C-alpha cells in the first residue's frame, strides 16, 4: 500500500487521480466518487510490474486541509492464472522431453525395447543416428523449457513484490 497526502480538497484530488489513472491506460472497474476508485491497468502479456495486468484500488480520505490518498495493487487473476498454467505446462513438457531423451539413450545403450524405442527403430534395427538426434533434440528442448520456466518464475516473483510501483508512480504525479 502506498499513501500520499495532497493539498487538494477531496473532490479535486479524486478528479485529478481519476484523470491520471485513465491517462496511464487504466480502465475503471468500480468507483464511489470522491472516496474510492478501482482500475484495471496493464496487459495480460506484460512482464514487468508496470506492464503486468493488475487492479489498482485507491481510497481518498479528508485530512486536515487536504486529502490522504491510499492506493494498493494486486495482480489480475487472469495474469496469475496464465502464469501458473504456463509454468505447469512447461514442467510437464520439459519432463516429457527429459523422459524421451533418457528412454532413448538407455535403449541405444542396452538395445532393450522401451516405451520410446520405436522412434529409433527401423525394420527391427536400431538407427543410432536418428536416435542420437532425437536424444539431443529432447535434451535441448528440456533445457530451453527449464530456462523459460526460470525466467517466468522470476518475472512472476518480481511483479508480485513490485506490483505497487505503478500506484506509487501515479501518486507521485498527483499534486
Protein backbone atom coordinates (compact mmCIF):
# COMPACT_ATOMS: atom_id res chain seq x y z
CA UNK A 1 0.00 0.00 0.00
CA UNK A 2 1.25 3.46 -0.85
CA UNK A 3 -0.09 6.67 0.69
CA UNK A 4 0.29 10.35 -0.05
CA UNK A 5 -1.22 13.48 1.42
CA UNK A 6 -2.06 16.14 -1.14
CA UNK A 7 -3.06 19.75 -0.56
CA UNK A 8 -6.31 19.46 -2.52
CA UNK A 9 -9.91 19.10 -1.47
CA UNK A 10 -11.16 15.53 -1.76
CA UNK A 11 -13.30 16.21 -4.86
CA UNK A 12 -10.42 17.88 -6.71
CA UNK A 13 -7.95 15.17 -5.63
CA UNK A 14 -10.39 12.50 -6.83
CA UNK A 15 -10.85 14.06 -10.25
CA UNK A 16 -7.07 14.54 -10.73
CA UNK A 17 -6.36 10.97 -9.62
CA UNK A 18 -9.05 9.60 -11.92
CA UNK A 19 -7.65 11.61 -14.86
CA UNK A 20 -4.12 10.34 -14.14
CA UNK A 21 -5.22 6.72 -13.90
CA UNK A 22 -7.18 6.95 -17.15
CA UNK A 23 -4.31 8.75 -18.90
CA UNK A 24 -1.98 5.89 -17.93
CA UNK A 25 -4.21 3.26 -19.51
CA UNK A 26 -6.43 2.37 -16.56
CA UNK A 27 -9.97 1.16 -17.15
CA UNK A 28 -12.42 1.90 -14.35
CA UNK A 29 -13.70 -1.22 -12.59
CA UNK A 30 -15.52 0.46 -9.72
CA UNK A 31 -15.86 3.91 -8.24
CA UNK A 32 -17.58 5.77 -5.43
CA UNK A 33 -16.77 9.44 -6.07
CA UNK A 34 -15.00 11.05 -4.30
CA UNK A 35 -13.93 8.30 -1.88
CA UNK A 36 -12.90 5.29 -3.96
CA UNK A 37 -11.76 4.32 -7.43
CA UNK A 38 -10.54 0.99 -8.76
CA UNK A 39 -8.99 0.48 -12.20
CA UNK A 40 -7.53 -2.36 -14.23
CA UNK A 41 -4.23 -1.46 -15.83
CA UNK A 42 -1.61 -3.31 -17.83
CA UNK A 43 -1.64 -6.22 -20.21
CA UNK A 44 -2.13 -9.94 -19.86
CA UNK A 45 1.22 -10.29 -21.67
CA UNK A 46 3.04 -7.70 -19.54
CA UNK A 47 6.23 -8.91 -17.90
CA UNK A 48 7.15 -6.00 -15.65
CA UNK A 49 5.31 -4.72 -12.58
CA UNK A 50 4.31 -1.65 -14.58
CA UNK A 51 3.03 -3.55 -17.62
CA UNK A 52 1.56 -6.66 -15.95
CA UNK A 53 -2.22 -6.70 -15.72
CA UNK A 54 -3.27 -5.54 -12.29
CA UNK A 55 -6.07 -3.97 -10.28
CA UNK A 56 -5.24 -0.67 -8.58
CA UNK A 57 -7.60 0.45 -5.82
CA UNK A 58 -7.40 3.93 -4.31
CA UNK A 59 -9.23 5.33 -1.29
CA UNK A 60 -9.38 9.03 -0.52
CA UNK A 61 -9.88 10.46 2.97
CA UNK A 62 -10.20 14.09 4.11
CA UNK A 63 -7.05 15.04 6.03
CA UNK A 64 -6.67 18.47 7.68
CA UNK A 65 -6.85 20.93 4.79
CA UNK A 66 -6.01 18.30 2.15
CA UNK A 67 -6.67 14.71 1.22
CA UNK A 68 -4.95 11.45 2.11
CA UNK A 69 -4.81 9.08 -0.85
CA UNK A 70 -4.06 5.39 -0.21
CA UNK A 71 -3.55 3.03 -3.15
CA UNK A 72 -2.89 -0.68 -3.31
CA UNK A 73 -2.38 -3.01 -6.24
CA UNK A 74 -2.82 -6.70 -6.90
CA UNK A 75 -2.05 -8.83 -9.91
CA UNK A 76 -5.13 -9.58 -12.01
CA UNK A 77 -6.39 -13.14 -11.56
CA UNK A 78 -6.18 -13.90 -15.28
CA UNK A 79 -2.49 -12.79 -15.33
CA UNK A 80 -1.75 -15.03 -12.32
CA UNK A 81 -3.67 -17.96 -13.81
CA UNK A 82 -1.90 -17.66 -17.17
CA UNK A 83 1.46 -17.63 -15.39
CA UNK A 84 0.58 -20.66 -13.27
CA UNK A 85 -0.86 -22.65 -16.19
CA UNK A 86 2.11 -21.76 -18.41
CA UNK A 87 4.53 -22.85 -15.72
CA UNK A 88 2.73 -26.14 -15.14
CA UNK A 89 2.66 -26.88 -18.87
CA UNK A 90 6.37 -26.07 -19.13
CA UNK A 91 7.15 -28.52 -16.33
CA UNK A 92 5.01 -31.23 -17.96
CA UNK A 93 6.53 -30.79 -21.44
CA UNK A 94 10.08 -30.50 -20.05
CA UNK A 95 9.53 -33.71 -18.04
CA UNK A 96 8.17 -35.48 -21.12
CA UNK A 97 11.17 -34.37 -23.20
CA UNK A 98 13.58 -35.50 -20.50
CA UNK A 99 11.84 -38.86 -20.23
CA UNK A 100 12.04 -39.37 -24.01
CA UNK A 101 15.76 -38.47 -24.02
CA UNK A 102 16.62 -40.80 -21.14
CA UNK A 103 14.49 -43.64 -22.50
CA UNK A 104 16.01 -43.42 -25.98
CA UNK A 105 19.52 -43.12 -24.60
CA UNK A 106 19.00 -46.24 -22.46
CA UNK A 107 17.53 -48.08 -25.48
CA UNK A 108 20.55 -47.29 -27.64
CA UNK A 109 22.93 -48.46 -24.89
CA UNK A 110 21.09 -51.61 -23.74
CA UNK A 111 19.27 -52.33 -27.03
CA UNK A 112 16.30 -53.47 -24.94
CA UNK A 113 12.95 -52.24 -26.30
CA UNK A 114 11.37 -49.46 -24.26
CA UNK A 115 8.40 -47.12 -24.44
CA UNK A 116 10.05 -44.67 -26.87
CA UNK A 117 12.32 -47.14 -28.68
CA UNK A 118 10.08 -47.06 -31.77
CA UNK A 119 11.48 -43.58 -32.56
CA UNK A 120 14.94 -45.02 -33.25
CA UNK A 121 13.83 -48.38 -34.70
CA UNK A 122 13.69 -49.07 -38.43
CA UNK A 123 12.54 -52.51 -39.56
CA UNK A 124 13.64 -54.04 -36.26
CA UNK A 125 17.09 -52.43 -36.30
CA UNK A 126 18.35 -49.51 -34.26
CA UNK A 127 19.04 -46.33 -36.22
CA UNK A 128 21.67 -44.83 -33.91
CA UNK A 129 21.89 -41.59 -35.88
CA UNK A 130 18.15 -40.91 -35.62
CA UNK A 131 18.13 -42.00 -32.01
CA UNK A 132 21.00 -39.69 -31.08
CA UNK A 133 19.37 -36.83 -32.98
CA UNK A 134 16.14 -37.28 -31.00
CA UNK A 135 18.05 -37.55 -27.72
CA UNK A 136 19.88 -34.29 -28.47
CA UNK A 137 16.68 -32.57 -29.58
CA UNK A 138 14.79 -33.69 -26.48
CA UNK A 139 17.61 -32.55 -24.19
CA UNK A 140 17.78 -29.15 -25.92
CA UNK A 141 14.02 -28.73 -25.60
CA UNK A 142 14.23 -29.67 -21.92
CA UNK A 143 16.97 -27.11 -21.32
CA UNK A 144 15.07 -24.44 -23.25
CA UNK A 145 11.88 -25.06 -21.25
CA UNK A 146 13.74 -25.06 -17.93
CA UNK A 147 15.32 -21.70 -18.81
CA UNK A 148 11.95 -20.27 -19.88
CA UNK A 149 10.38 -21.61 -16.68
CA UNK A 150 13.07 -19.98 -14.54
CA UNK A 151 12.54 -16.66 -16.35
CA UNK A 152 8.77 -16.95 -15.94
CA UNK A 153 9.06 -17.64 -12.22
CA UNK A 154 11.49 -14.73 -11.89
CA UNK A 155 9.09 -12.39 -13.69
CA UNK A 156 6.17 -13.52 -11.53
CA UNK A 157 8.09 -13.06 -8.28
CA UNK A 158 9.44 -9.66 -9.37
CA UNK A 159 5.98 -8.50 -10.49
CA UNK A 160 4.42 -9.72 -7.24
CA UNK A 161 6.85 -7.86 -5.00
CA UNK A 162 6.92 -4.65 -7.08
CA UNK A 163 3.26 -4.52 -8.12
CA UNK A 164 2.67 -1.24 -6.26
CA UNK A 165 5.24 0.61 -8.40
CA UNK A 166 2.55 1.83 -10.82
CA UNK A 167 0.43 3.18 -7.94
CA UNK A 168 3.48 4.86 -6.36
CA UNK A 169 4.42 6.48 -9.66
CA UNK A 170 0.87 7.69 -10.21
CA UNK A 171 0.57 9.16 -6.70
CA UNK A 172 3.90 10.95 -7.07
CA UNK A 173 2.45 12.77 -10.08
CA UNK A 174 -0.63 13.79 -8.09
CA UNK A 175 -0.16 17.36 -6.83
